[in-house]
N, C-alpha and C. Protein backbone atom coordinates (compact mmCIF):
# COMPACT_ATOMS: atom_id res chain seq x y z
N MET A 1 -16.53 39.43 101.94
CA MET A 1 -15.72 39.43 103.15
C MET A 1 -14.65 40.52 103.11
N GLU A 2 -14.36 41.07 104.25
CA GLU A 2 -13.22 41.98 104.34
C GLU A 2 -11.95 41.15 104.19
N ILE A 3 -11.02 41.65 103.38
CA ILE A 3 -9.76 40.94 103.15
C ILE A 3 -8.62 41.78 103.71
N LEU A 4 -7.95 41.23 104.72
CA LEU A 4 -6.80 41.90 105.33
C LEU A 4 -5.51 41.29 104.78
N ASN A 5 -4.38 41.89 105.07
CA ASN A 5 -3.09 41.33 104.68
C ASN A 5 -2.58 40.40 105.79
N VAL A 6 -1.79 39.43 105.41
CA VAL A 6 -1.27 38.48 106.43
C VAL A 6 -0.34 39.19 107.43
N THR A 7 0.10 40.39 107.11
CA THR A 7 0.91 41.16 108.07
C THR A 7 0.03 41.83 109.12
N ASP A 8 -1.29 41.78 108.97
CA ASP A 8 -2.18 42.39 109.92
C ASP A 8 -2.14 41.68 111.28
N GLU A 9 -2.29 42.44 112.34
CA GLU A 9 -2.29 41.88 113.70
C GLU A 9 -3.28 40.74 113.87
N ARG A 10 -4.41 40.80 113.17
CA ARG A 10 -5.46 39.80 113.36
C ARG A 10 -5.09 38.42 112.81
N PHE A 11 -4.00 38.35 111.99
CA PHE A 11 -3.57 37.07 111.46
C PHE A 11 -2.75 36.29 112.48
N ARG A 12 -2.27 36.94 113.52
CA ARG A 12 -1.30 36.30 114.45
C ARG A 12 -1.86 35.07 115.13
N LYS A 13 -3.18 35.00 115.37
CA LYS A 13 -3.71 33.82 116.02
C LYS A 13 -3.88 32.64 115.06
N TYR A 14 -3.73 32.91 113.79
CA TYR A 14 -3.90 31.87 112.75
C TYR A 14 -2.57 31.34 112.19
N GLY A 15 -1.54 32.20 112.20
CA GLY A 15 -0.26 31.84 111.63
C GLY A 15 0.71 32.99 111.60
N LYS A 16 1.77 32.87 110.83
CA LYS A 16 2.74 33.94 110.75
C LYS A 16 3.48 33.91 109.42
N VAL A 17 3.98 35.05 109.00
CA VAL A 17 4.81 35.13 107.80
C VAL A 17 6.18 34.53 108.13
N ILE A 18 6.69 33.70 107.21
CA ILE A 18 7.97 33.01 107.42
C ILE A 18 9.11 33.85 106.88
N GLU A 19 10.13 34.07 107.69
CA GLU A 19 11.30 34.83 107.31
C GLU A 19 12.53 33.92 107.13
N GLY A 20 13.52 34.37 106.40
CA GLY A 20 14.80 33.65 106.32
C GLY A 20 14.95 32.66 105.21
N TYR A 21 13.93 32.46 104.38
CA TYR A 21 13.98 31.53 103.28
C TYR A 21 13.80 32.27 101.94
N ASP A 22 14.51 31.81 100.92
CA ASP A 22 14.38 32.40 99.58
C ASP A 22 13.50 31.45 98.77
N PHE A 23 12.26 31.91 98.49
CA PHE A 23 11.29 31.09 97.78
C PHE A 23 11.30 31.38 96.24
N THR A 24 12.26 32.13 95.77
CA THR A 24 12.28 32.59 94.37
C THR A 24 12.24 31.40 93.39
N GLU A 25 13.12 30.44 93.61
CA GLU A 25 13.20 29.28 92.70
C GLU A 25 11.93 28.47 92.76
N LEU A 26 11.39 28.32 93.93
CA LEU A 26 10.16 27.52 94.11
C LEU A 26 8.98 28.18 93.37
N VAL A 27 8.86 29.47 93.52
CA VAL A 27 7.78 30.20 92.85
C VAL A 27 7.96 30.12 91.32
N LYS A 28 9.19 30.22 90.85
CA LYS A 28 9.42 30.12 89.40
C LYS A 28 9.07 28.73 88.88
N ALA A 29 9.38 27.70 89.66
CA ALA A 29 9.10 26.31 89.25
C ALA A 29 7.58 26.09 89.13
N MET A 30 6.83 26.86 89.84
CA MET A 30 5.36 26.72 89.78
C MET A 30 4.79 27.16 88.46
N ASP A 31 5.60 27.80 87.60
CA ASP A 31 5.14 28.14 86.24
C ASP A 31 4.76 26.86 85.48
N LYS A 32 5.37 25.73 85.84
CA LYS A 32 5.11 24.44 85.17
C LYS A 32 3.74 23.86 85.56
N SER A 33 3.23 24.30 86.69
CA SER A 33 2.03 23.68 87.23
C SER A 33 0.78 24.16 86.52
N PRO A 34 -0.28 23.34 86.47
CA PRO A 34 -1.50 23.71 85.76
C PRO A 34 -2.32 24.75 86.52
N LEU A 35 -3.21 25.42 85.81
CA LEU A 35 -4.13 26.38 86.42
C LEU A 35 -5.54 26.12 85.88
N PRO A 36 -6.20 25.15 86.49
CA PRO A 36 -7.52 24.76 85.98
C PRO A 36 -8.63 25.75 86.33
N GLU A 37 -9.79 25.58 85.67
CA GLU A 37 -10.92 26.42 85.99
C GLU A 37 -11.47 26.09 87.38
N GLY A 38 -11.40 24.86 87.79
CA GLY A 38 -11.77 24.48 89.13
C GLY A 38 -10.56 24.55 90.06
N VAL A 39 -10.47 23.64 91.00
CA VAL A 39 -9.38 23.61 91.98
C VAL A 39 -8.72 22.23 91.94
N ILE A 40 -7.37 22.20 91.87
CA ILE A 40 -6.63 20.95 91.89
C ILE A 40 -5.62 20.99 93.02
N TYR A 41 -5.47 19.86 93.74
CA TYR A 41 -4.48 19.73 94.80
C TYR A 41 -3.64 18.50 94.52
N GLU A 42 -2.31 18.65 94.56
CA GLU A 42 -1.37 17.55 94.45
C GLU A 42 -0.43 17.63 95.64
N PRO A 43 -0.38 16.57 96.46
CA PRO A 43 0.42 16.62 97.70
C PRO A 43 1.93 16.57 97.49
N SER A 44 2.39 15.95 96.41
CA SER A 44 3.83 15.75 96.24
C SER A 44 4.18 15.85 94.76
N ILE A 45 5.07 16.79 94.44
CA ILE A 45 5.48 17.04 93.05
C ILE A 45 7.01 16.94 92.92
N ASP A 46 7.47 16.10 92.07
CA ASP A 46 8.91 15.84 91.95
C ASP A 46 9.72 17.12 91.64
N TYR A 47 9.29 17.93 90.69
CA TYR A 47 10.09 19.05 90.29
C TYR A 47 10.12 20.18 91.34
N LEU A 48 9.24 20.10 92.32
CA LEU A 48 9.32 21.02 93.47
C LEU A 48 10.20 20.44 94.56
N GLU A 49 10.10 19.13 94.79
CA GLU A 49 10.91 18.49 95.84
C GLU A 49 12.36 18.30 95.46
N GLU A 50 12.68 18.46 94.17
CA GLU A 50 14.07 18.38 93.72
C GLU A 50 14.86 19.66 93.98
N LEU A 51 14.19 20.72 94.35
CA LEU A 51 14.85 22.02 94.60
C LEU A 51 15.55 22.04 95.93
N PRO A 52 16.61 22.84 96.09
CA PRO A 52 17.32 22.94 97.37
C PRO A 52 16.47 23.33 98.56
N ILE A 53 15.38 24.08 98.31
CA ILE A 53 14.51 24.55 99.38
C ILE A 53 13.86 23.37 100.11
N TYR A 54 13.73 22.21 99.41
CA TYR A 54 13.13 21.02 100.07
C TYR A 54 13.94 20.63 101.29
N LYS A 55 15.26 20.52 101.15
CA LYS A 55 16.13 20.15 102.25
C LYS A 55 16.10 21.21 103.37
N GLU A 56 16.09 22.51 102.98
CA GLU A 56 16.06 23.58 103.95
C GLU A 56 14.80 23.53 104.81
N LEU A 57 13.64 23.31 104.16
CA LEU A 57 12.41 23.30 104.91
C LEU A 57 12.28 22.05 105.78
N SER A 58 12.72 20.92 105.26
CA SER A 58 12.68 19.69 106.02
C SER A 58 13.55 19.78 107.27
N GLU A 59 14.77 20.28 107.12
CA GLU A 59 15.70 20.31 108.21
C GLU A 59 15.41 21.43 109.22
N ASN A 60 14.94 22.56 108.74
CA ASN A 60 14.77 23.71 109.62
C ASN A 60 13.31 23.99 109.99
N PHE A 61 12.46 24.30 109.02
CA PHE A 61 11.09 24.64 109.34
C PHE A 61 10.39 23.47 110.03
N TYR A 62 10.61 22.25 109.55
CA TYR A 62 9.95 21.09 110.13
C TYR A 62 10.84 20.32 111.10
N GLY A 63 12.01 20.85 111.47
CA GLY A 63 12.84 20.23 112.51
C GLY A 63 13.29 18.82 112.15
N GLU A 64 13.71 18.63 110.91
CA GLU A 64 14.25 17.35 110.41
C GLU A 64 13.17 16.29 110.22
N MET A 65 11.93 16.69 110.05
CA MET A 65 10.87 15.74 109.72
C MET A 65 10.83 15.52 108.20
N PRO A 66 10.42 14.35 107.71
CA PRO A 66 10.21 14.17 106.28
C PRO A 66 9.00 14.96 105.85
N ILE A 67 9.11 15.64 104.70
CA ILE A 67 8.02 16.48 104.22
C ILE A 67 7.63 16.16 102.79
N GLU A 68 6.55 16.76 102.37
CA GLU A 68 6.11 16.69 100.95
C GLU A 68 5.85 18.14 100.49
N ILE A 69 6.16 18.41 99.24
CA ILE A 69 5.89 19.72 98.66
C ILE A 69 4.99 19.50 97.44
N GLY A 70 3.80 20.07 97.47
CA GLY A 70 2.87 19.99 96.37
C GLY A 70 2.27 21.35 96.09
N PHE A 71 1.08 21.37 95.53
CA PHE A 71 0.43 22.66 95.25
C PHE A 71 -1.06 22.56 95.26
N CYS A 72 -1.72 23.71 95.40
CA CYS A 72 -3.17 23.83 95.26
C CYS A 72 -3.33 25.02 94.31
N ASN A 73 -3.89 24.75 93.14
CA ASN A 73 -4.08 25.78 92.09
C ASN A 73 -5.49 25.81 91.57
N GLY A 74 -5.87 26.91 91.01
CA GLY A 74 -7.17 26.98 90.34
C GLY A 74 -7.84 28.29 90.44
N HIS A 75 -9.17 28.26 90.34
CA HIS A 75 -10.03 29.43 90.43
C HIS A 75 -11.08 29.14 91.51
N ASN A 76 -11.14 30.00 92.51
CA ASN A 76 -12.04 29.76 93.62
C ASN A 76 -12.40 31.08 94.30
N LYS A 77 -13.64 31.21 94.70
CA LYS A 77 -14.11 32.40 95.44
C LYS A 77 -14.76 32.05 96.78
N LYS A 78 -15.02 30.75 97.00
CA LYS A 78 -15.80 30.32 98.17
C LYS A 78 -15.01 29.48 99.16
N LEU A 79 -15.53 29.38 100.36
CA LEU A 79 -14.90 28.55 101.39
C LEU A 79 -15.12 27.05 101.11
N ASN A 80 -16.40 26.61 101.02
CA ASN A 80 -16.81 25.24 100.70
C ASN A 80 -16.57 24.21 101.78
N ALA A 81 -15.50 24.31 102.53
CA ALA A 81 -15.18 23.36 103.58
C ALA A 81 -14.06 23.91 104.42
N VAL A 82 -13.78 23.31 105.56
CA VAL A 82 -12.59 23.60 106.32
C VAL A 82 -11.90 22.31 106.71
N GLU A 83 -10.61 22.39 106.86
CA GLU A 83 -9.83 21.23 107.27
C GLU A 83 -8.79 21.68 108.29
N TYR A 84 -8.24 20.71 109.00
CA TYR A 84 -7.10 21.01 109.88
C TYR A 84 -6.24 19.77 109.96
N HIS A 85 -5.00 19.93 110.42
CA HIS A 85 -4.04 18.85 110.56
C HIS A 85 -3.51 18.84 112.00
N ARG A 86 -2.67 17.87 112.32
CA ARG A 86 -2.06 17.84 113.66
C ARG A 86 -0.75 18.57 113.68
N ASP A 87 -0.48 19.39 112.69
CA ASP A 87 0.76 20.13 112.60
C ASP A 87 0.55 21.33 111.71
N SER A 88 1.52 22.22 111.64
CA SER A 88 1.46 23.39 110.80
C SER A 88 1.57 23.02 109.34
N GLU A 89 0.94 23.83 108.50
CA GLU A 89 1.06 23.75 107.05
C GLU A 89 1.74 25.00 106.56
N LEU A 90 2.64 24.89 105.60
CA LEU A 90 3.31 26.04 105.02
C LEU A 90 2.72 26.33 103.66
N ASN A 91 2.25 27.52 103.45
CA ASN A 91 1.68 28.01 102.17
C ASN A 91 2.61 29.04 101.59
N ILE A 92 3.05 28.86 100.34
CA ILE A 92 3.89 29.82 99.69
C ILE A 92 3.15 30.26 98.42
N ALA A 93 2.84 31.55 98.35
CA ALA A 93 2.04 32.08 97.23
C ALA A 93 2.87 32.24 95.97
N ALA A 94 2.54 31.45 94.95
CA ALA A 94 3.21 31.59 93.66
C ALA A 94 2.48 32.68 92.80
N THR A 95 1.30 33.04 93.23
CA THR A 95 0.57 34.23 92.76
C THR A 95 -0.07 34.83 93.98
N ASP A 96 -0.59 36.01 93.88
CA ASP A 96 -1.38 36.58 95.00
C ASP A 96 -2.52 35.60 95.29
N ALA A 97 -2.81 35.37 96.54
CA ALA A 97 -3.88 34.45 96.94
C ALA A 97 -4.50 34.94 98.24
N VAL A 98 -5.69 34.37 98.50
CA VAL A 98 -6.41 34.73 99.74
C VAL A 98 -6.65 33.43 100.55
N LEU A 99 -6.35 33.48 101.83
CA LEU A 99 -6.65 32.38 102.73
C LEU A 99 -7.87 32.75 103.58
N ILE A 100 -8.85 31.86 103.64
CA ILE A 100 -10.01 32.04 104.52
C ILE A 100 -9.81 31.10 105.68
N VAL A 101 -9.72 31.65 106.89
CA VAL A 101 -9.29 30.87 108.06
C VAL A 101 -10.18 31.09 109.27
N GLY A 102 -10.14 30.13 110.17
CA GLY A 102 -10.85 30.18 111.44
C GLY A 102 -10.07 29.43 112.48
N LEU A 103 -10.66 29.18 113.65
CA LEU A 103 -9.96 28.49 114.75
C LEU A 103 -10.62 27.14 115.05
N VAL A 104 -9.79 26.15 115.20
CA VAL A 104 -10.27 24.79 115.60
C VAL A 104 -11.02 24.87 116.92
N SER A 105 -10.56 25.75 117.81
CA SER A 105 -11.16 25.85 119.14
C SER A 105 -12.61 26.37 119.08
N ASP A 106 -13.05 26.90 117.95
CA ASP A 106 -14.43 27.38 117.81
C ASP A 106 -15.37 26.29 117.25
N ILE A 107 -14.84 25.12 116.97
CA ILE A 107 -15.72 24.01 116.57
C ILE A 107 -16.55 23.60 117.79
N GLU A 108 -17.86 23.43 117.57
CA GLU A 108 -18.77 23.07 118.65
C GLU A 108 -18.56 21.59 119.05
N PRO A 109 -19.01 21.22 120.27
CA PRO A 109 -18.84 19.80 120.68
C PRO A 109 -19.46 18.80 119.73
N ASP A 110 -20.52 19.20 118.99
CA ASP A 110 -21.14 18.28 118.05
C ASP A 110 -20.46 18.26 116.69
N GLY A 111 -19.33 18.99 116.57
CA GLY A 111 -18.56 18.99 115.32
C GLY A 111 -18.97 20.08 114.34
N THR A 112 -19.94 20.91 114.68
CA THR A 112 -20.37 21.96 113.77
C THR A 112 -19.55 23.22 114.01
N TYR A 113 -19.62 24.12 113.02
CA TYR A 113 -18.84 25.35 113.10
C TYR A 113 -19.59 26.45 112.36
N ASP A 114 -19.65 27.63 112.97
CA ASP A 114 -20.33 28.78 112.42
C ASP A 114 -19.40 29.55 111.49
N THR A 115 -19.77 29.57 110.19
CA THR A 115 -18.88 30.20 109.21
C THR A 115 -18.75 31.70 109.38
N ALA A 116 -19.62 32.32 110.17
CA ALA A 116 -19.51 33.76 110.42
C ALA A 116 -18.20 34.13 111.13
N LYS A 117 -17.56 33.13 111.70
CA LYS A 117 -16.32 33.36 112.44
C LYS A 117 -15.07 33.35 111.55
N MET A 118 -15.24 32.99 110.26
CA MET A 118 -14.09 32.96 109.35
C MET A 118 -13.59 34.36 109.01
N GLU A 119 -12.29 34.49 108.75
CA GLU A 119 -11.70 35.74 108.31
C GLU A 119 -10.84 35.47 107.07
N ALA A 120 -10.62 36.49 106.27
CA ALA A 120 -9.88 36.34 105.00
C ALA A 120 -8.59 37.21 105.01
N PHE A 121 -7.50 36.63 104.51
CA PHE A 121 -6.24 37.33 104.50
C PHE A 121 -5.53 37.13 103.18
N ARG A 122 -4.98 38.23 102.66
CA ARG A 122 -4.26 38.22 101.39
C ARG A 122 -2.81 37.84 101.60
N VAL A 123 -2.32 36.88 100.77
CA VAL A 123 -0.92 36.49 100.78
C VAL A 123 -0.30 36.94 99.46
N PRO A 124 0.58 37.94 99.47
CA PRO A 124 1.20 38.40 98.22
C PRO A 124 2.11 37.34 97.59
N LYS A 125 2.25 37.41 96.31
CA LYS A 125 3.14 36.50 95.57
C LYS A 125 4.54 36.49 96.17
N GLY A 126 5.08 35.32 96.39
CA GLY A 126 6.43 35.15 96.92
C GLY A 126 6.51 35.05 98.42
N VAL A 127 5.41 35.28 99.09
CA VAL A 127 5.40 35.25 100.57
C VAL A 127 5.02 33.86 101.06
N GLY A 128 5.70 33.37 102.09
CA GLY A 128 5.37 32.09 102.71
C GLY A 128 4.77 32.32 104.07
N VAL A 129 3.69 31.63 104.38
CA VAL A 129 3.06 31.77 105.70
C VAL A 129 2.86 30.41 106.35
N GLU A 130 3.15 30.35 107.65
CA GLU A 130 2.83 29.16 108.42
C GLU A 130 1.36 29.26 108.85
N VAL A 131 0.60 28.21 108.56
CA VAL A 131 -0.78 28.07 109.02
C VAL A 131 -0.76 27.09 110.17
N TYR A 132 -1.05 27.58 111.37
CA TYR A 132 -0.92 26.73 112.56
C TYR A 132 -1.87 25.54 112.53
N ALA A 133 -1.50 24.50 113.28
CA ALA A 133 -2.32 23.29 113.39
C ALA A 133 -3.69 23.64 114.00
N THR A 134 -3.76 24.74 114.74
CA THR A 134 -5.01 25.13 115.37
C THR A 134 -5.88 25.98 114.47
N THR A 135 -5.51 26.11 113.21
CA THR A 135 -6.23 26.94 112.27
C THR A 135 -7.03 26.12 111.25
N LEU A 136 -8.29 26.47 111.12
CA LEU A 136 -9.12 25.89 110.05
C LEU A 136 -8.81 26.61 108.74
N HIS A 137 -8.72 25.84 107.67
CA HIS A 137 -8.41 26.43 106.37
C HIS A 137 -8.90 25.46 105.30
N TYR A 138 -8.79 25.87 104.06
CA TYR A 138 -9.11 24.97 102.94
C TYR A 138 -8.42 25.52 101.71
N ALA A 139 -9.00 25.30 100.55
CA ALA A 139 -8.39 25.78 99.31
C ALA A 139 -8.29 27.32 99.29
N PRO A 140 -7.18 27.85 98.87
CA PRO A 140 -7.08 29.31 98.74
C PRO A 140 -8.12 29.86 97.75
N ALA A 141 -8.21 31.16 97.70
CA ALA A 141 -9.12 31.84 96.76
C ALA A 141 -8.37 32.93 96.02
N ASN A 142 -8.99 33.43 94.95
CA ASN A 142 -8.39 34.50 94.16
C ASN A 142 -9.36 35.67 94.11
N GLU A 143 -8.79 36.89 94.26
CA GLU A 143 -9.60 38.11 94.22
C GLU A 143 -10.10 38.47 92.84
N GLY A 144 -9.18 38.42 91.85
CA GLY A 144 -9.54 38.76 90.50
C GLY A 144 -10.03 37.52 89.74
N GLU A 145 -9.79 37.53 88.43
CA GLU A 145 -10.24 36.41 87.60
C GLU A 145 -9.09 35.55 87.11
N ASP A 146 -7.87 35.84 87.55
CA ASP A 146 -6.69 35.12 87.01
C ASP A 146 -6.39 33.83 87.72
N GLY A 147 -7.10 33.50 88.77
CA GLY A 147 -6.83 32.27 89.50
C GLY A 147 -5.70 32.40 90.50
N PHE A 148 -5.33 31.29 91.13
CA PHE A 148 -4.28 31.30 92.14
C PHE A 148 -3.40 30.08 92.00
N LYS A 149 -2.16 30.21 92.46
CA LYS A 149 -1.23 29.10 92.58
C LYS A 149 -0.55 29.18 93.94
N VAL A 150 -0.66 28.16 94.74
CA VAL A 150 -0.06 28.17 96.08
C VAL A 150 0.68 26.84 96.34
N VAL A 151 1.92 26.98 96.74
CA VAL A 151 2.72 25.78 97.13
C VAL A 151 2.27 25.35 98.55
N ILE A 152 2.08 24.05 98.71
CA ILE A 152 1.64 23.51 99.99
C ILE A 152 2.69 22.54 100.50
N VAL A 153 3.21 22.82 101.71
CA VAL A 153 4.23 21.98 102.34
C VAL A 153 3.64 21.40 103.62
N LEU A 154 3.75 20.06 103.77
CA LEU A 154 3.20 19.34 104.94
C LEU A 154 4.08 18.16 105.24
N PRO A 155 3.98 17.58 106.44
CA PRO A 155 4.68 16.33 106.73
C PRO A 155 4.31 15.24 105.72
N ARG A 156 5.30 14.48 105.32
CA ARG A 156 5.08 13.47 104.28
C ARG A 156 4.00 12.48 104.67
N GLY A 157 3.12 12.19 103.71
CA GLY A 157 2.03 11.26 103.91
C GLY A 157 0.71 11.96 104.15
N THR A 158 0.73 13.25 104.46
CA THR A 158 -0.50 14.00 104.74
C THR A 158 -1.38 14.04 103.47
N ASN A 159 -2.67 13.91 103.68
CA ASN A 159 -3.68 13.98 102.61
C ASN A 159 -3.74 12.78 101.66
N TYR A 160 -3.03 11.69 102.05
CA TYR A 160 -3.12 10.47 101.25
C TYR A 160 -4.32 9.61 101.76
N PRO A 161 -4.74 8.63 100.98
CA PRO A 161 -5.91 7.81 101.34
C PRO A 161 -5.74 7.12 102.70
N LEU A 162 -6.84 6.98 103.42
CA LEU A 162 -6.88 6.26 104.68
C LEU A 162 -6.74 4.76 104.48
N LYS A 163 -6.25 4.07 105.48
CA LYS A 163 -6.05 2.61 105.36
C LYS A 163 -6.89 1.85 106.38
N CYS A 164 -7.58 2.51 107.27
CA CYS A 164 -8.36 1.79 108.26
C CYS A 164 -9.60 2.59 108.68
N GLU A 165 -10.46 1.93 109.49
CA GLU A 165 -11.67 2.59 109.97
C GLU A 165 -11.34 3.46 111.17
N HIS A 166 -12.16 4.49 111.33
CA HIS A 166 -11.93 5.42 112.48
C HIS A 166 -13.27 5.62 113.20
N ASN A 167 -13.36 5.13 114.42
CA ASN A 167 -14.61 5.23 115.15
C ASN A 167 -14.38 5.33 116.67
N LYS A 168 -13.33 5.95 117.08
CA LYS A 168 -12.98 6.11 118.49
C LYS A 168 -13.85 7.11 119.17
N ASN A 169 -14.15 8.21 118.47
CA ASN A 169 -14.92 9.30 119.12
C ASN A 169 -15.62 10.15 118.06
N HIS A 170 -16.27 11.18 118.52
CA HIS A 170 -17.09 12.02 117.68
C HIS A 170 -16.27 12.70 116.55
N GLU A 171 -15.03 13.06 116.86
CA GLU A 171 -14.15 13.76 115.87
C GLU A 171 -13.80 12.88 114.70
N ASP A 172 -13.80 11.54 114.96
CA ASP A 172 -13.38 10.62 113.90
C ASP A 172 -14.24 10.69 112.63
N LYS A 173 -15.49 11.14 112.76
CA LYS A 173 -16.34 11.20 111.58
C LYS A 173 -15.86 12.26 110.58
N THR A 174 -14.91 13.11 111.00
CA THR A 174 -14.41 14.15 110.13
C THR A 174 -13.05 13.77 109.49
N ILE A 175 -12.50 12.63 109.85
CA ILE A 175 -11.23 12.22 109.28
C ILE A 175 -11.45 11.80 107.81
N ALA A 176 -10.89 12.58 106.90
CA ALA A 176 -11.13 12.36 105.47
C ALA A 176 -9.94 11.79 104.69
N ALA A 177 -8.74 11.94 105.26
CA ALA A 177 -7.50 11.43 104.65
C ALA A 177 -6.45 11.39 105.77
N VAL A 178 -5.25 10.90 105.43
CA VAL A 178 -4.18 10.85 106.43
C VAL A 178 -3.91 12.26 106.95
N ASN A 179 -3.98 12.44 108.27
CA ASN A 179 -3.67 13.73 108.90
C ASN A 179 -4.55 14.85 108.38
N LYS A 180 -5.80 14.53 108.09
CA LYS A 180 -6.72 15.54 107.55
C LYS A 180 -8.11 15.34 108.16
N TRP A 181 -8.57 16.35 108.91
CA TRP A 181 -9.92 16.39 109.44
C TRP A 181 -10.71 17.44 108.65
N LEU A 182 -11.88 17.04 108.10
CA LEU A 182 -12.61 17.88 107.14
C LEU A 182 -14.04 18.06 107.57
N ILE A 183 -14.50 19.30 107.52
CA ILE A 183 -15.88 19.66 107.77
C ILE A 183 -16.41 20.45 106.56
N GLY A 184 -17.43 19.91 105.93
CA GLY A 184 -17.91 20.52 104.67
C GLY A 184 -19.12 21.41 104.89
N HIS A 185 -19.40 22.24 103.87
CA HIS A 185 -20.61 23.07 103.82
C HIS A 185 -21.63 22.37 102.92
N PRO A 186 -22.90 22.39 103.28
CA PRO A 186 -23.93 21.74 102.41
C PRO A 186 -23.91 22.22 100.98
N GLU A 187 -23.44 23.45 100.69
CA GLU A 187 -23.40 23.99 99.35
C GLU A 187 -21.99 23.91 98.75
N GLY A 188 -21.09 23.19 99.40
CA GLY A 188 -19.70 23.18 99.01
C GLY A 188 -19.29 22.20 97.94
N GLY A 189 -20.20 21.32 97.53
CA GLY A 189 -19.84 20.34 96.51
C GLY A 189 -18.77 19.36 96.95
N ASN A 190 -18.81 18.97 98.21
CA ASN A 190 -17.78 18.07 98.77
C ASN A 190 -18.04 16.63 98.40
N PRO A 191 -17.00 15.79 98.50
CA PRO A 191 -17.16 14.35 98.18
C PRO A 191 -18.22 13.68 99.05
N GLU A 192 -18.83 12.66 98.54
CA GLU A 192 -19.83 11.89 99.27
C GLU A 192 -19.23 11.34 100.57
N GLY A 193 -19.94 11.46 101.63
CA GLY A 193 -19.45 11.00 102.93
C GLY A 193 -18.81 12.08 103.76
N THR A 194 -18.60 13.28 103.20
CA THR A 194 -18.03 14.38 103.99
C THR A 194 -19.03 14.79 105.07
N PHE A 195 -18.54 15.03 106.27
CA PHE A 195 -19.39 15.51 107.34
C PHE A 195 -19.71 16.97 107.08
N LEU A 196 -20.98 17.28 106.90
CA LEU A 196 -21.46 18.64 106.55
C LEU A 196 -21.81 19.41 107.81
N GLY A 197 -20.80 19.88 108.48
CA GLY A 197 -20.99 20.54 109.75
C GLY A 197 -20.86 22.05 109.76
N LEU A 198 -20.60 22.64 108.59
CA LEU A 198 -20.49 24.10 108.54
C LEU A 198 -21.88 24.72 108.51
N LYS A 199 -22.13 25.63 109.43
CA LYS A 199 -23.43 26.28 109.56
C LYS A 199 -23.33 27.74 109.14
N GLY A 200 -24.42 28.24 108.53
CA GLY A 200 -24.41 29.62 108.04
C GLY A 200 -24.12 29.67 106.57
N ILE A 201 -23.77 30.84 106.05
CA ILE A 201 -23.52 30.99 104.61
C ILE A 201 -22.22 30.33 104.25
N ASN A 202 -22.07 30.06 102.96
CA ASN A 202 -20.79 29.57 102.42
C ASN A 202 -20.01 30.82 102.04
N PRO A 203 -19.05 31.27 102.89
CA PRO A 203 -18.40 32.56 102.65
C PRO A 203 -17.75 32.68 101.29
N SER A 204 -17.81 33.89 100.72
CA SER A 204 -17.24 34.16 99.40
C SER A 204 -16.49 35.47 99.45
N ILE A 205 -15.38 35.55 98.76
CA ILE A 205 -14.62 36.80 98.73
C ILE A 205 -15.08 37.66 97.50
């Protein structure tokens, strides 16, 4: 895939670079986090949420909503799945990372999505980007062999286990966790029960 920078004009429909915050302490604290050979996601981490930036992001970026700060770390080259939320997600690169993104509006009425529409964008270390609620995304990727570390900020409770059945409409089959709608690729190694609606190749950087 062609990899553009998040400052490129083509990223504007997916999100934007966040200005006015100092992420230095947060990036440094990520030195404590693991870097597995696969991919790990933790929605809420105490030593990240204890930093002053937690209050700043809750009060300002999220307009006084309760939030969680976690991370997604590891080694990854492929898309494997896409997800979306009912709100923006904030990604802060603790290392250089690549986001593979698309648009929720391109999901077909039957819940399928053509992976040829995905685009890839590089997020330099220390940069924070807002990923809009209308943007399909999943685990970040790494260009080299050193892996990636990305801070993930979301409204509190997102990505936690579901507590009830969901069968109101066609979209409900993709609800995989609290505030998380997931569409997997047949070659993505997704959990049992994932709706495998990604059509085409499994994109790789």
